[in-house]
PDB file of N, CA and C in Angstrom:
ATOM      1  N   UNK A   1       0.822  -1.214  -0.001  1.00  0.00           N
ATOM      2  CA  UNK A   1       0.070   0.028   0.003  1.00  0.00           C
ATOM      3  C   UNK A   1       0.823   1.245  -0.060  1.00  0.00           C
ATOM      4  N   UNK A   2       0.422   2.231  -0.709  1.00  0.00           N
ATOM      5  CA  UNK A   2       1.178   3.516  -0.868  1.00  0.00           C
ATOM      6  C   UNK A   2       0.861   4.388   0.329  1.00  0.00           C
ATOM      7  N   UNK A   3       1.822   5.114   0.858  1.00  0.00           N
ATOM      8  CA  UNK A   3       1.602   6.107   1.950  1.00  0.00           C
ATOM      9  C   UNK A   3       0.952   7.312   1.317  1.00  0.00           C
ATOM     10  N   UNK A   4       0.097   8.076   2.024  1.00  0.00           N
ATOM     11  CA  UNK A   4      -0.623   9.154   1.402  1.00  0.00           C
ATOM     12  C   UNK A   4       0.382  10.241   0.944  1.00  0.00           C
ATOM     13  N   UNK A   5       1.581  10.327   1.494  1.00  0.00           N
ATOM     14  CA  UNK A   5       2.610  11.324   1.171  1.00  0.00           C
ATOM     15  C   UNK A   5       3.578  10.619   0.336  1.00  0.00           C
ATOM     16  N   UNK A   6       3.451   9.422  -0.094  1.00  0.00           N
ATOM     17  CA  UNK A   6       4.486   8.794  -0.859  1.00  0.00           C
ATOM     18  C   UNK A   6       5.025   9.450  -2.179  1.00  0.00           C
ATOM     19  N   UNK A   7       4.024  10.251  -2.751  1.00  0.00           N
ATOM     20  CA  UNK A   7       4.390  10.792  -4.129  1.00  0.00           C
ATOM     21  C   UNK A   7       5.150  12.122  -3.830  1.00  0.00           C
ATOM     22  N   UNK A   8       5.318  12.598  -2.614  1.00  0.00           N
ATOM     23  CA  UNK A   8       6.008  13.897  -2.320  1.00  0.00           C
ATOM     24  C   UNK A   8       7.501  13.698  -2.509  1.00  0.00           C
ATOM     25  N   UNK A   9       8.163  14.804  -2.853  1.00  0.00           N
ATOM     26  CA  UNK A   9       9.696  14.804  -2.872  1.00  0.00           C
ATOM     27  C   UNK A   9      10.008  14.837  -1.391  1.00  0.00           C
ATOM     28  N   UNK A  10      11.202  14.177  -1.136  1.00  0.00           N
ATOM     29  CA  UNK A  10      11.655  14.061   0.210  1.00  0.00           C
ATOM     30  C   UNK A  10      11.641  15.260   1.087  1.00  0.00           C
ATOM     31  N   UNK A  11      12.243  16.424   0.648  1.00  0.00           N
ATOM     32  CA  UNK A  11      12.249  17.609   1.477  1.00  0.00           C
ATOM     33  C   UNK A  11      10.820  17.986   1.884  1.00  0.00           C
ATOM     34  N   UNK A  12       9.791  17.935   0.940  1.00  0.00           N
ATOM     35  CA  UNK A  12       8.466  18.399   1.247  1.00  0.00           C
ATOM     36  C   UNK A  12       7.925  17.359   2.174  1.00  0.00           C
ATOM     37  N   UNK A  13       8.187  16.101   2.197  1.00  0.00           N
ATOM     38  CA  UNK A  13       7.644  15.073   2.936  1.00  0.00           C
ATOM     39  C   UNK A  13       8.182  15.294   4.452  1.00  0.00           C
ATOM     40  N   UNK A  14       9.494  15.622   4.586  1.00  0.00           N
ATOM     41  CA  UNK A  14       9.999  15.976   5.882  1.00  0.00           C
ATOM     42  C   UNK A  14       9.423  17.164   6.489  1.00  0.00           C
ATOM     43  N   UNK A  15       9.120  18.147   5.716  1.00  0.00           N
ATOM     44  CA  UNK A  15       8.452  19.398   6.132  1.00  0.00           C
ATOM     45  C   UNK A  15       7.099  19.014   6.797  1.00  0.00           C
ATOM     46  N   UNK A  16       6.305  18.145   6.075  1.00  0.00           N
ATOM     47  CA  UNK A  16       4.950  17.813   6.517  1.00  0.00           C
ATOM     48  C   UNK A  16       5.080  16.965   7.805  1.00  0.00           C
ATOM     49  N   UNK A  17       6.174  16.104   8.015  1.00  0.00           N
ATOM     50  CA  UNK A  17       6.336  15.451   9.300  1.00  0.00           C
ATOM     51  C   UNK A  17       6.737  16.317  10.371  1.00  0.00           C
ATOM     52  N   UNK A  18       7.682  17.391  10.094  1.00  0.00           N
ATOM     53  CA  UNK A  18       8.059  18.434  11.072  1.00  0.00           C
ATOM     54  C   UNK A  18       6.923  19.172  11.548  1.00  0.00           C
ATOM     55  N   UNK A  19       6.089  19.686  10.580  1.00  0.00           N
ATOM     56  CA  UNK A  19       4.930  20.477  10.968  1.00  0.00           C
ATOM     57  C   UNK A  19       4.022  19.750  11.940  1.00  0.00           C
ATOM     58  N   UNK A  20       3.748  18.487  11.480  1.00  0.00           N
ATOM     59  CA  UNK A  20       2.710  17.726  12.360  1.00  0.00           C
ATOM     60  C   UNK A  20       3.345  17.444  13.741  1.00  0.00           C
ATOM     61  N   UNK A  21       4.630  17.318  13.889  1.00  0.00           N
ATOM     62  CA  UNK A  21       5.225  16.998  15.166  1.00  0.00           C
ATOM     63  C   UNK A  21       5.239  18.263  15.944  1.00  0.00           C
ATOM     64  N   UNK A  22       5.395  19.496  15.362  1.00  0.00           N
ATOM     65  CA  UNK A  22       5.364  20.687  16.059  1.00  0.00           C
ATOM     66  C   UNK A  22       3.942  20.944  16.566  1.00  0.00           C
ATOM     67  N   UNK A  23       3.015  20.695  15.802  1.00  0.00           N
ATOM     68  CA  UNK A  23       1.556  20.864  16.110  1.00  0.00           C
ATOM     69  C   UNK A  23       1.234  19.988  17.291  1.00  0.00           C
ATOM     70  N   UNK A  24       1.569  18.690  17.281  1.00  0.00           N
ATOM     71  CA  UNK A  24       1.356  17.829  18.325  1.00  0.00           C
ATOM     72  C   UNK A  24       2.004  18.408  19.584  1.00  0.00           C
ATOM     73  N   UNK A  25       3.273  18.787  19.472  1.00  0.00           N
ATOM     74  CA  UNK A  25       4.007  19.308  20.729  1.00  0.00           C
ATOM     75  C   UNK A  25       3.253  20.507  21.293  1.00  0.00           C
ATOM     76  N   UNK A  26       2.808  21.430  20.503  1.00  0.00           N
ATOM     77  CA  UNK A  26       2.053  22.545  20.976  1.00  0.00           C
ATOM     78  C   UNK A  26       0.727  22.115  21.677  1.00  0.00           C
ATOM     79  N   UNK A  27       0.025  21.082  21.020  1.00  0.00           N
ATOM     80  CA  UNK A  27      -1.198  20.633  21.666  1.00  0.00           C
ATOM     81  C   UNK A  27      -0.960  19.994  23.077  1.00  0.00           C
ATOM     82  N   UNK A  28       0.188  19.269  23.142  1.00  0.00           N
ATOM     83  CA  UNK A  28       0.685  18.672  24.402  1.00  0.00           C
ATOM     84  C   UNK A  28       0.982  19.631  25.457  1.00  0.00           C
ATOM     85  N   UNK A  29       1.696  20.683  25.144  1.00  0.00           N
ATOM     86  CA  UNK A  29       2.042  21.822  26.035  1.00  0.00           C
ATOM     87  C   UNK A  29       0.755  22.406  26.540  1.00  0.00           C
ATOM     88  N   UNK A  30      -0.132  22.767  25.617  1.00  0.00           N
ATOM     89  CA  UNK A  30      -1.412  23.382  26.040  1.00  0.00           C
ATOM     90  C   UNK A  30      -2.255  22.534  26.973  1.00  0.00           C
ATOM     91  N   UNK A  31      -2.229  21.279  26.724  1.00  0.00           N
ATOM     92  CA  UNK A  31      -2.993  20.278  27.502  1.00  0.00           C
ATOM     93  C   UNK A  31      -2.235  20.217  28.933  1.00  0.00           C
ATOM     94  N   UNK A  32      -0.934  20.253  29.014  1.00  0.00           N
ATOM     95  CA  UNK A  32      -0.212  20.231  30.335  1.00  0.00           C
ATOM     96  C   UNK A  32      -0.488  21.505  31.068  1.00  0.00           C
ATOM     97  N   UNK A  33      -0.550  22.608  30.418  1.00  0.00           N
ATOM     98  CA  UNK A  33      -0.773  23.868  31.099  1.00  0.00           C
ATOM     99  C   UNK A  33      -2.197  23.868  31.674  1.00  0.00           C
ATOM    100  N   UNK A  34      -3.095  23.502  30.767  1.00  0.00           N
ATOM    101  CA  UNK A  34      -4.536  23.410  31.370  1.00  0.00           C
ATOM    102  C   UNK A  34      -4.677  22.421  32.467  1.00  0.00           C
ATOM    103  N   UNK A  35      -3.948  21.297  32.552  1.00  0.00           N
ATOM    104  CA  UNK A  35      -4.079  20.444  33.529  1.00  0.00           C
ATOM    105  C   UNK A  35      -3.520  20.983  34.867  1.00  0.00           C
ATOM    106  N   UNK A  36      -2.404  21.659  34.767  1.00  0.00           N
ATOM    107  CA  UNK A  36      -1.802  22.290  35.930  1.00  0.00           C
ATOM    108  C   UNK A  36      -2.771  23.430  36.619  1.00  0.00           C
ATOM    109  N   UNK A  37      -3.484  24.066  35.733  1.00  0.00           N
ATOM    110  CA  UNK A  37      -4.371  25.187  36.174  1.00  0.00           C
ATOM    111  C   UNK A  37      -5.637  24.432  36.969  1.00  0.00           C
ATOM    112  N   UNK A  38      -6.154  23.380  36.388  1.00  0.00           N
ATOM    113  CA  UNK A  38      -7.283  22.727  36.920  1.00  0.00           C
ATOM    114  C   UNK A  38      -6.916  21.986  38.269  1.00  0.00           C
ATOM    115  N   UNK A  39      -5.744  21.194  38.248  1.00  0.00           N
ATOM    116  CA  UNK A  39      -5.466  20.378  39.394  1.00  0.00           C
ATOM    117  C   UNK A  39      -4.319  21.097  40.319  1.00  0.00           C
ATOM    118  N   UNK A  40      -4.793  21.717  41.332  1.00  0.00           N
ATOM    119  CA  UNK A  40      -3.793  22.430  42.169  1.00  0.00           C
ATOM    120  C   UNK A  40      -2.883  21.344  42.824  1.00  0.00           C
ATOM    121  N   UNK A  41      -1.643  21.693  43.053  1.00  0.00           N
ATOM    122  CA  UNK A  41      -0.697  20.767  43.630  1.00  0.00           C
ATOM    123  C   UNK A  41      -1.135  20.610  45.149  1.00  0.00           C
ATOM    124  N   UNK A  42      -0.858  19.330  45.767  1.00  0.00           N
ATOM    125  CA  UNK A  42      -1.393  19.202  47.053  1.00  0.00           C
ATOM    126  C   UNK A  42      -0.914  20.182  48.047  1.00  0.00           C
ATOM    127  N   UNK A  43       0.309  20.719  47.843  1.00  0.00           N
ATOM    128  CA  UNK A  43       0.904  21.732  48.745  1.00  0.00           C
ATOM    129  C   UNK A  43       0.212  22.995  48.810  1.00  0.00           C
ATOM    130  N   UNK A  44      -0.667  23.296  47.777  1.00  0.00           N
ATOM    131  CA  UNK A  44      -1.316  24.526  47.862  1.00  0.00           C
ATOM    132  C   UNK A  44      -2.773  24.495  48.255  1.00  0.00           C
ATOM    133  N   UNK A  45      -3.129  23.292  48.724  1.00  0.00           N
ATOM    134  CA  UNK A  45      -4.524  23.164  49.215  1.00  0.00           C
ATOM    135  C   UNK A  45      -4.776  23.996  50.408  1.00  0.00           C
ATOM    136  N   UNK A  46      -5.689  24.987  50.388  1.00  0.00           N
ATOM    137  CA  UNK A  46      -5.898  25.790  51.543  1.00  0.00           C
ATOM    138  C   UNK A  46      -6.483  24.996  52.791  1.00  0.00           C
ATOM    139  N   UNK A  47      -5.978  25.301  53.915  1.00  0.00           N
ATOM    140  CA  UNK A  47      -6.429  24.623  55.116  1.00  0.00           C
ATOM    141  C   UNK A  47      -7.687  25.181  55.715  1.00  0.00           C
ATOM    142  N   UNK A  48      -8.590  24.440  56.201  1.00  0.00           N
ATOM    143  CA  UNK A  48      -9.735  25.007  56.864  1.00  0.00           C
ATOM    144  C   UNK A  48      -9.349  25.667  58.212  1.00  0.00           C
ATOM    145  N   UNK A  49     -10.144  26.636  58.757  1.00  0.00           N
ATOM    146  CA  UNK A  49      -9.717  27.216  59.982  1.00  0.00           C
ATOM    147  C   UNK A  49      -9.498  26.165  61.252  1.00  0.00           C
ATOM    148  N   UNK A  50     -10.298  25.100  61.072  1.00  0.00           N
ATOM    149  CA  UNK A  50     -10.112  24.020  62.161  1.00  0.00           C
ATOM    150  C   UNK A  50      -8.816  23.342  61.940  1.00  0.00           C
ATOM    151  N   UNK A  51      -8.496  23.057  60.723  1.00  0.00           N
ATOM    152  CA  UNK A  51      -7.169  22.438  60.336  1.00  0.00           C
ATOM    153  C   UNK A  51      -6.094  23.324  60.640  1.00  0.00           C
ATOM    154  N   UNK A  52      -6.262  24.591  60.420  1.00  0.00           N
ATOM    155  CA  UNK A  52      -5.173  25.570  60.763  1.00  0.00           C
ATOM    156  C   UNK A  52      -4.847  25.668  62.321  1.00  0.00           C
ATOM    157  N   UNK A  53      -5.917  25.600  63.039  1.00  0.00           N
ATOM    158  CA  UNK A  53      -5.796  25.536  64.571  1.00  0.00           C
ATOM    159  C   UNK A  53      -5.044  24.354  65.011  1.00  0.00           C
ATOM    160  N   UNK A  54      -5.401  23.209  64.392  1.00  0.00           N
ATOM    161  CA  UNK A  54      -4.718  21.907  64.663  1.00  0.00           C
ATOM    162  C   UNK A  54      -3.250  21.921  64.275  1.00  0.00           C
ATOM    163  N   UNK A  55      -2.904  22.528  63.095  1.00  0.00           N
ATOM    164  CA  UNK A  55      -1.535  22.619  62.691  1.00  0.00           C
ATOM    165  C   UNK A  55      -0.831  23.504  63.650  1.00  0.00           C
ATOM    166  N   UNK A  56      -1.371  24.625  64.174  1.00  0.00           N
ATOM    167  CA  UNK A  56      -0.735  25.539  65.127  1.00  0.00           C
ATOM    168  C   UNK A  56      -0.446  24.761  66.408  1.00  0.00           C
ATOM    169  N   UNK A  57      -1.387  23.936  66.838  1.00  0.00           N
ATOM    170  CA  UNK A  57      -1.079  23.226  68.100  1.00  0.00           C
ATOM    171  C   UNK A  57      -0.094  22.101  67.904  1.00  0.00           C
ATOM    172  N   UNK A  58      -0.147  21.501  66.724  1.00  0.00           N
ATOM    173  CA  UNK A  58       0.987  20.552  66.473  1.00  0.00           C
ATOM    174  C   UNK A  58       2.327  21.151  66.443  1.00  0.00           C
ATOM    175  N   UNK A  59       2.381  22.382  65.863  1.00  0.00           N
ATOM    176  CA  UNK A  59       3.722  23.128  65.755  1.00  0.00           C
ATOM    177  C   UNK A  59       4.138  23.472  67.242  1.00  0.00           C
ATOM    178  N   UNK A  60       3.202  24.034  68.014  1.00  0.00           N
ATOM    179  CA  UNK A  60       3.607  24.391  69.349  1.00  0.00           C
ATOM    180  C   UNK A  60       3.986  23.159  70.263  1.00  0.00           C
ATOM    181  N   UNK A  61       3.412  22.008  69.944  1.00  0.00           N
ATOM    182  CA  UNK A  61       3.733  20.778  70.725  1.00  0.00           C
ATOM    183  C   UNK A  61       5.078  20.128  70.288  1.00  0.00           C
ATOM    184  N   UNK A  62       5.229  20.091  68.905  1.00  0.00           N
ATOM    185  CA  UNK A  62       6.284  19.190  68.388  1.00  0.00           C
ATOM    186  C   UNK A  62       7.396  19.973  67.525  1.00  0.00           C
ATOM    187  N   UNK A  63       7.053  21.207  67.230  1.00  0.00           N
ATOM    188  CA  UNK A  63       8.020  22.011  66.437  1.00  0.00           C
ATOM    189  C   UNK A  63       7.738  21.842  64.887  1.00  0.00           C
ATOM    190  N   UNK A  64       8.032  22.873  64.119  1.00  0.00           N
ATOM    191  CA  UNK A  64       7.648  22.864  62.667  1.00  0.00           C
ATOM    192  C   UNK A  64       8.379  21.791  61.812  1.00  0.00           C
ATOM    193  N   UNK A  65       9.562  21.358  62.323  1.00  0.00           N
ATOM    194  CA  UNK A  65      10.456  20.435  61.620  1.00  0.00           C
ATOM    195  C   UNK A  65       9.855  19.028  61.652  1.00  0.00           C
ATOM    196  N   UNK A  66       8.804  18.759  62.586  1.00  0.00           N
ATOM    197  CA  UNK A  66       8.199  17.431  62.637  1.00  0.00           C
ATOM    198  C   UNK A  66       6.957  17.359  61.931  1.00  0.00           C
ATOM    199  N   UNK A  67       6.478  18.377  61.190  1.00  0.00           N
ATOM    200  CA  UNK A  67       5.225  18.326  60.437  1.00  0.00           C
ATOM    201  C   UNK A  67       5.315  17.629  59.086  1.00  0.00           C
ATOM    202  N   UNK A  68       4.294  16.841  58.866  1.00  0.00           N
ATOM    203  CA  UNK A  68       4.387  16.140  57.531  1.00  0.00           C
ATOM    204  C   UNK A  68       2.863  16.249  57.037  1.00  0.00           C
ATOM    205  N   UNK A  69       2.793  16.211  55.709  1.00  0.00           N
ATOM    206  CA  UNK A  69       1.423  16.208  55.061  1.00  0.00           C
ATOM    207  C   UNK A  69       1.207  14.892  54.431  1.00  0.00           C
ATOM    208  N   UNK A  70      -0.081  14.413  54.529  1.00  0.00           N
ATOM    209  CA  UNK A  70      -0.432  13.085  54.003  1.00  0.00           C
ATOM    210  C   UNK A  70      -0.567  13.388  52.498  1.00  0.00           C
ATOM    211  N   UNK A  71       0.100  12.488  51.630  1.00  0.00           N
ATOM    212  CA  UNK A  71       0.105  12.607  50.248  1.00  0.00           C
ATOM    213  C   UNK A  71      -1.064  11.923  49.603  1.00  0.00           C
ATOM    214  N   UNK A  72      -1.700  10.904  50.107  1.00  0.00           N
ATOM    215  CA  UNK A  72      -2.799  10.233  49.596  1.00  0.00           C
ATOM    216  C   UNK A  72      -3.639   9.600  50.744  1.00  0.00           C
ATOM    217  N   UNK A  73      -4.812   9.324  50.469  1.00  0.00           N
ATOM    218  CA  UNK A  73      -5.767   8.879  51.604  1.00  0.00           C
ATOM    219  C   UNK A  73      -5.141   7.568  52.158  1.00  0.00           C
ATOM    220  N   UNK A  74      -5.274   7.520  53.499  1.00  0.00           N
ATOM    221  CA  UNK A  74      -4.710   6.296  54.220  1.00  0.00           C
ATOM    222  C   UNK A  74      -5.923   5.667  54.948  1.00  0.00           C
ATOM    223  N   UNK A  75      -6.103   4.307  54.760  1.00  0.00           N
ATOM    224  CA  UNK A  75      -7.158   3.660  55.597  1.00  0.00           C
ATOM    225  C   UNK A  75      -6.433   2.680  56.371  1.00  0.00           C
ATOM    226  N   UNK A  76      -6.348   2.928  57.682  1.00  0.00           N
ATOM    227  CA  UNK A  76      -5.702   2.073  58.613  1.00  0.00           C
ATOM    228  C   UNK A  76      -6.298   0.671  58.714  1.00  0.00           C
ATOM    229  N   UNK A  77      -5.609  -0.369  58.522  1.00  0.00           N
ATOM    230  CA  UNK A  77      -6.166  -1.725  58.565  1.00  0.00           C
ATOM    231  C   UNK A  77      -5.826  -2.551  59.754  1.00  0.00           C
ATOM    232  N   UNK A  78      -4.680  -2.064  60.377  1.00  0.00           N
ATOM    233  CA  UNK A  78      -4.277  -2.814  61.551  1.00  0.00           C
ATOM    234  C   UNK A  78      -4.671  -1.945  62.786  1.00  0.00           C
ATOM    235  N   UNK A  79      -4.605  -2.656  64.002  1.00  0.00           N
ATOM    236  CA  UNK A  79      -4.734  -2.004  65.286  1.00  0.00           C
ATOM    237  C   UNK A  79      -3.765  -0.952  65.389  1.00  0.00           C
ATOM    238  N   UNK A  80      -4.141   0.197  65.933  1.00  0.00           N
ATOM    239  CA  UNK A  80      -3.311   1.444  66.106  1.00  0.00           C
ATOM    240  C   UNK A  80      -2.999   2.100  64.859  1.00  0.00           C
ATOM    241  N   UNK A  81      -3.616   1.687  63.697  1.00  0.00           N
ATOM    242  CA  UNK A  81      -3.354   2.491  62.466  1.00  0.00           C
ATOM    243  C   UNK A  81      -4.328   3.669  62.348  1.00  0.00           C
ATOM    244  N   UNK A  82      -3.904   4.747  61.822  1.00  0.00           N
ATOM    245  CA  UNK A  82      -4.782   5.895  61.680  1.00  0.00           C
ATOM    246  C   UNK A  82      -5.426   5.843  60.259  1.00  0.00           C
ATOM    247  N   UNK A  83      -6.717   6.384  60.125  1.00  0.00           N
ATOM    248  CA  UNK A  83      -7.323   6.644  58.795  1.00  0.00           C
ATOM    249  C   UNK A  83      -7.166   8.111  58.548  1.00  0.00           C
ATOM    250  N   UNK A  84      -6.495   8.471  57.563  1.00  0.00           N
ATOM    251  CA  UNK A  84      -6.423  10.000  57.229  1.00  0.00           C
ATOM    252  C   UNK A  84      -6.644  10.269  55.834  1.00  0.00           C
ATOM    253  N   UNK A  85      -6.994  11.680  55.557  1.00  0.00           N
ATOM    254  CA  UNK A  85      -7.277  11.988  54.292  1.00  0.00           C
ATOM    255  C   UNK A  85      -6.096  12.849  53.639  1.00  0.00           C
ATOM    256  N   UNK A  86      -5.987  12.740  52.292  1.00  0.00           N
ATOM    257  CA  UNK A  86      -4.855  13.301  51.658  1.00  0.00           C
ATOM    258  C   UNK A  86      -4.924  14.891  52.025  1.00  0.00           C
ATOM    259  N   UNK A  87      -3.784  15.496  52.314  1.00  0.00           N
ATOM    260  CA  UNK A  87      -3.720  16.896  52.607  1.00  0.00           C
ATOM    261  C   UNK A  87      -3.685  17.166  54.070  1.00  0.00           C
ATOM    262  N   UNK A  88      -4.061  16.129  54.985  1.00  0.00           N
ATOM    263  CA  UNK A  88      -4.032  16.399  56.312  1.00  0.00           C
ATOM    264  C   UNK A  88      -2.626  16.506  56.844  1.00  0.00           C
ATOM    265  N   UNK A  89      -2.532  17.273  57.943  1.00  0.00           N
ATOM    266  CA  UNK A  89      -1.123  17.557  58.520  1.00  0.00           C
ATOM    267  C   UNK A  89      -0.976  16.823  59.761  1.00  0.00           C
ATOM    268  N   UNK A  90       0.139  16.092  59.997  1.00  0.00           N
ATOM    269  CA  UNK A  90       0.367  15.296  61.165  1.00  0.00           C
ATOM    270  C   UNK A  90       1.784  15.594  61.671  1.00  0.00           C
ATOM    271  N   UNK A  91       1.998  15.383  62.940  1.00  0.00           N
ATOM    272  CA  UNK A  91       3.482  15.580  63.544  1.00  0.00           C
ATOM    273  C   UNK A  91       4.036  14.144  63.842  1.00  0.00           C
ATOM    274  N   UNK A  92       5.294  14.026  63.411  1.00  0.00           N
ATOM    275  CA  UNK A  92       6.012  12.818  63.662  1.00  0.00           C
ATOM    276  C   UNK A  92       6.432  12.678  65.009  1.00  0.00           C
ATOM    277  N   UNK A  93       6.051  11.500  65.563  1.00  0.00           N
ATOM    278  CA  UNK A  93       6.431  11.217  67.012  1.00  0.00           C
ATOM    279  C   UNK A  93       7.636  10.313  67.022  1.00  0.00           C
ATOM    280  N   UNK A  94       7.604   9.283  66.075  1.00  0.00           N
ATOM    281  CA  UNK A  94       8.634   8.305  65.986  1.00  0.00           C
ATOM    282  C   UNK A  94       8.757   7.676  64.641  1.00  0.00           C
ATOM    283  N   UNK A  95       9.922   7.589  63.957  1.00  0.00           N
ATOM    284  CA  UNK A  95       9.975   7.144  62.594  1.00  0.00           C
ATOM    285  C   UNK A  95      10.212   5.613  62.546  1.00  0.00           C
ATOM    286  N   UNK A  96       9.377   4.873  63.346  1.00  0.00           N
ATOM    287  CA  UNK A  96       9.410   3.417  63.279  1.00  0.00           C
ATOM    288  C   UNK A  96       8.162   3.055  64.211  1.00  0.00           C
ATOM    289  N   UNK A  97       7.785   1.785  63.958  1.00  0.00           N
ATOM    290  CA  UNK A  97       6.737   1.169  64.819  1.00  0.00           C
ATOM    291  C   UNK A  97       7.275   0.490  66.092  1.00  0.00           C
ATOM    292  N   UNK A  98       6.442  -0.131  66.834  1.00  0.00           N
ATOM    293  CA  UNK A  98       6.984  -0.734  68.126  1.00  0.00           C
ATOM    294  C   UNK A  98       7.982  -1.781  67.892  1.00  0.00           C
ATOM    295  N   UNK A  99       7.963  -2.442  66.644  1.00  0.00           N
ATOM    296  CA  UNK A  99       8.853  -3.533  66.313  1.00  0.00           C
ATOM    297  C   UNK A  99      10.106  -2.963  65.630  1.00  0.00           C
ATOM    298  N   UNK A 100      10.168  -1.608  65.463  1.00  0.00           N
ATOM    299  CA  UNK A 100      11.345  -1.147  64.727  1.00  0.00           C
ATOM    300  C   UNK A 100      11.209  -0.969  63.287  1.00  0.00           C
ATOM    301  N   UNK A 101       9.977  -1.190  62.804  1.00  0.00           N
ATOM    302  CA  UNK A 101       9.686  -1.222  61.237  1.00  0.00           C
ATOM    303  C   UNK A 101       9.701   0.289  60.896  1.00  0.00           C
ATOM    304  N   UNK A 102      10.672   0.747  60.037  1.00  0.00           N
ATOM    305  CA  UNK A 102      10.665   2.169  59.699  1.00  0.00           C
ATOM    306  C   UNK A 102       9.776   2.482  58.534  1.00  0.00           C
ATOM    307  N   UNK A 103       9.094   1.650  58.011  1.00  0.00           N
ATOM    308  CA  UNK A 103       8.023   1.918  56.905  1.00  0.00           C
ATOM    309  C   UNK A 103       6.822   2.370  57.568  1.00  0.00           C
ATOM    310  N   UNK A 104       6.608   2.280  58.827  1.00  0.00           N
ATOM    311  CA  UNK A 104       5.408   2.750  59.524  1.00  0.00           C
ATOM    312  C   UNK A 104       5.802   3.682  60.621  1.00  0.00           C
ATOM    313  N   UNK A 105       5.322   4.931  60.558  1.00  0.00           N
ATOM    314  CA  UNK A 105       5.690   5.977  61.556  1.00  0.00           C
ATOM    315  C   UNK A 105       4.539   6.266  62.484  1.00  0.00           C
ATOM    316  N   UNK A 106       4.906   6.547  63.720  1.00  0.00           N
ATOM    317  CA  UNK A 106       3.922   6.877  64.790  1.00  0.00           C
ATOM    318  C   UNK A 106       3.776   8.451  64.651  1.00  0.00           C
ATOM    319  N   UNK A 107       2.499   8.832  64.431  1.00  0.00           N
ATOM    320  CA  UNK A 107       2.259  10.305  64.301  1.00  0.00           C
ATOM    321  C   UNK A 107       1.148  10.774  65.221  1.00  0.00           C
ATOM    322  N   UNK A 108       1.018  12.177  65.380  1.00  0.00           N
ATOM    323  CA  UNK A 108       0.036  12.680  66.178  1.00  0.00           C
ATOM    324  C   UNK A 108      -0.820  13.424  65.151  1.00  0.00           C
ATOM    325  N   UNK A 109      -1.988  13.052  65.054  1.00  0.00           N
ATOM    326  CA  UNK A 109      -2.909  13.648  63.983  1.00  0.00           C
ATOM    327  C   UNK A 109      -3.772  14.903  64.704  1.00  0.00           C
ATOM    328  N   UNK A 110      -3.244  15.466  65.765  1.00  0.00           N
ATOM    329  CA  UNK A 110      -3.938  16.532  66.348  1.00  0.00           C
ATOM    330  C   UNK A 110      -5.016  15.997  67.234  1.00  0.00           C
ATOM    331  N   UNK A 111      -4.721  14.891  67.971  1.00  0.00           N
ATOM    332  CA  UNK A 111      -5.621  14.299  68.846  1.00  0.00           C
ATOM    333  C   UNK A 111      -5.355  12.819  68.752  1.00  0.00           C
ATOM    334  N   UNK A 112      -5.944  12.179  67.809  1.00  0.00           N
ATOM    335  CA  UNK A 112      -5.535  10.700  67.699  1.00  0.00           C
ATOM    336  C   UNK A 112      -4.101  10.459  67.340  1.00  0.00           C
ATOM    337  N   UNK A 113      -3.518   9.539  67.835  1.00  0.00           N
ATOM    338  CA  UNK A 113      -2.182   9.092  67.564  1.00  0.00           C
ATOM    339  C   UNK A 113      -2.146   7.634  67.060  1.00  0.00           C
ATOM    340  N   UNK A 114      -1.282   7.384  66.126  1.00  0.00           N
ATOM    341  CA  UNK A 114      -1.313   6.022  65.558  1.00  0.00           C
ATOM    342  C   UNK A 114      -0.324   5.979  64.494  1.00  0.00           C
ATOM    343  N   UNK A 115      -0.230   4.825  63.899  1.00  0.00           N
ATOM    344  CA  UNK A 115       0.730   4.404  62.827  1.00  0.00           C
ATOM    345  C   UNK A 115       0.182   4.739  61.475  1.00  0.00           C
ATOM    346  N   UNK A 116       1.073   5.275  60.539  1.00  0.00           N
ATOM    347  CA  UNK A 116       0.715   5.465  59.133  1.00  0.00           C
ATOM    348  C   UNK A 116       1.942   5.050  58.327  1.00  0.00           C
ATOM    349  N   UNK A 117       1.724   4.704  57.023  1.00  0.00           N
ATOM    350  CA  UNK A 117       2.733   4.366  56.070  1.00  0.00           C
ATOM    351  C   UNK A 117       3.708   5.546  55.926  1.00  0.00           C
ATOM    352  N   UNK A 118       4.953   5.428  56.127  1.00  0.00           N
ATOM    353  CA  UNK A 118       5.814   6.568  56.006  1.00  0.00           C
ATOM    354  C   UNK A 118       5.832   7.044  54.528  1.00  0.00           C
ATOM    355  N   UNK A 119       5.667   6.043  53.476  1.00  0.00           N
ATOM    356  CA  UNK A 119       5.748   6.525  52.120  1.00  0.00           C
ATOM    357  C   UNK A 119       4.558   7.418  51.771  1.00  0.00           C
ATOM    358  N   UNK A 120       3.576   7.559  52.521  1.00  0.00           N
ATOM    359  CA  UNK A 120       2.409   8.470  52.297  1.00  0.00           C
ATOM    360  C   UNK A 120       2.562   9.855  52.966  1.00  0.00           C
ATOM    361  N   UNK A 121       3.745  10.067  53.496  1.00  0.00           N
ATOM    362  CA  UNK A 121       3.894  11.495  54.186  1.00  0.00           C
ATOM    363  C   UNK A 121       5.103  12.092  53.552  1.00  0.00           C
ATOM    364  N   UNK A 122       4.975  13.403  53.459  1.00  0.00           N
ATOM    365  CA  UNK A 122       6.071  14.210  52.973  1.00  0.00           C
ATOM    366  C   UNK A 122       6.185  15.458  53.864  1.00  0.00           C
ATOM    367  N   UNK A 123       7.415  15.892  54.035  1.00  0.00           N
ATOM    368  CA  UNK A 123       7.654  17.033  54.997  1.00  0.00           C
ATOM    369  C   UNK A 123       6.729  18.285  54.480  1.00  0.00           C
ATOM    370  N   UNK A 124       6.147  18.920  55.472  1.00  0.00           N
ATOM    371  CA  UNK A 124       5.275  19.918  55.309  1.00  0.00           C
ATOM    372  C   UNK A 124       5.923  21.307  55.146  1.00  0.00           C
TER     373      UNK A 124
END
């Protein structure tokens, strides 16, 4: 089967290829910009007044360097596990569980304390 541009001279053919690649690139960039505008990064989520008070109390109790933000919803499955929502702020109490497992951290969620997966926390 013949390509639709098979009859073209080579320089013209490459020009068509280049133009369509540039157009696709421009569309992709526009899509990425639109996506960034629609989806705010987790770091910029505004805190509710109640959440803000909780953060202030965590800071005063534990210091700002101990604060972490939950990067995705956590549903605690074991005893002493916490169930938290993405965006919540917690304070690190200990970077391991009672058995010394460093993938589960003990945190203060502004009242309840318990274990969460360390991989779902990032410094606030």
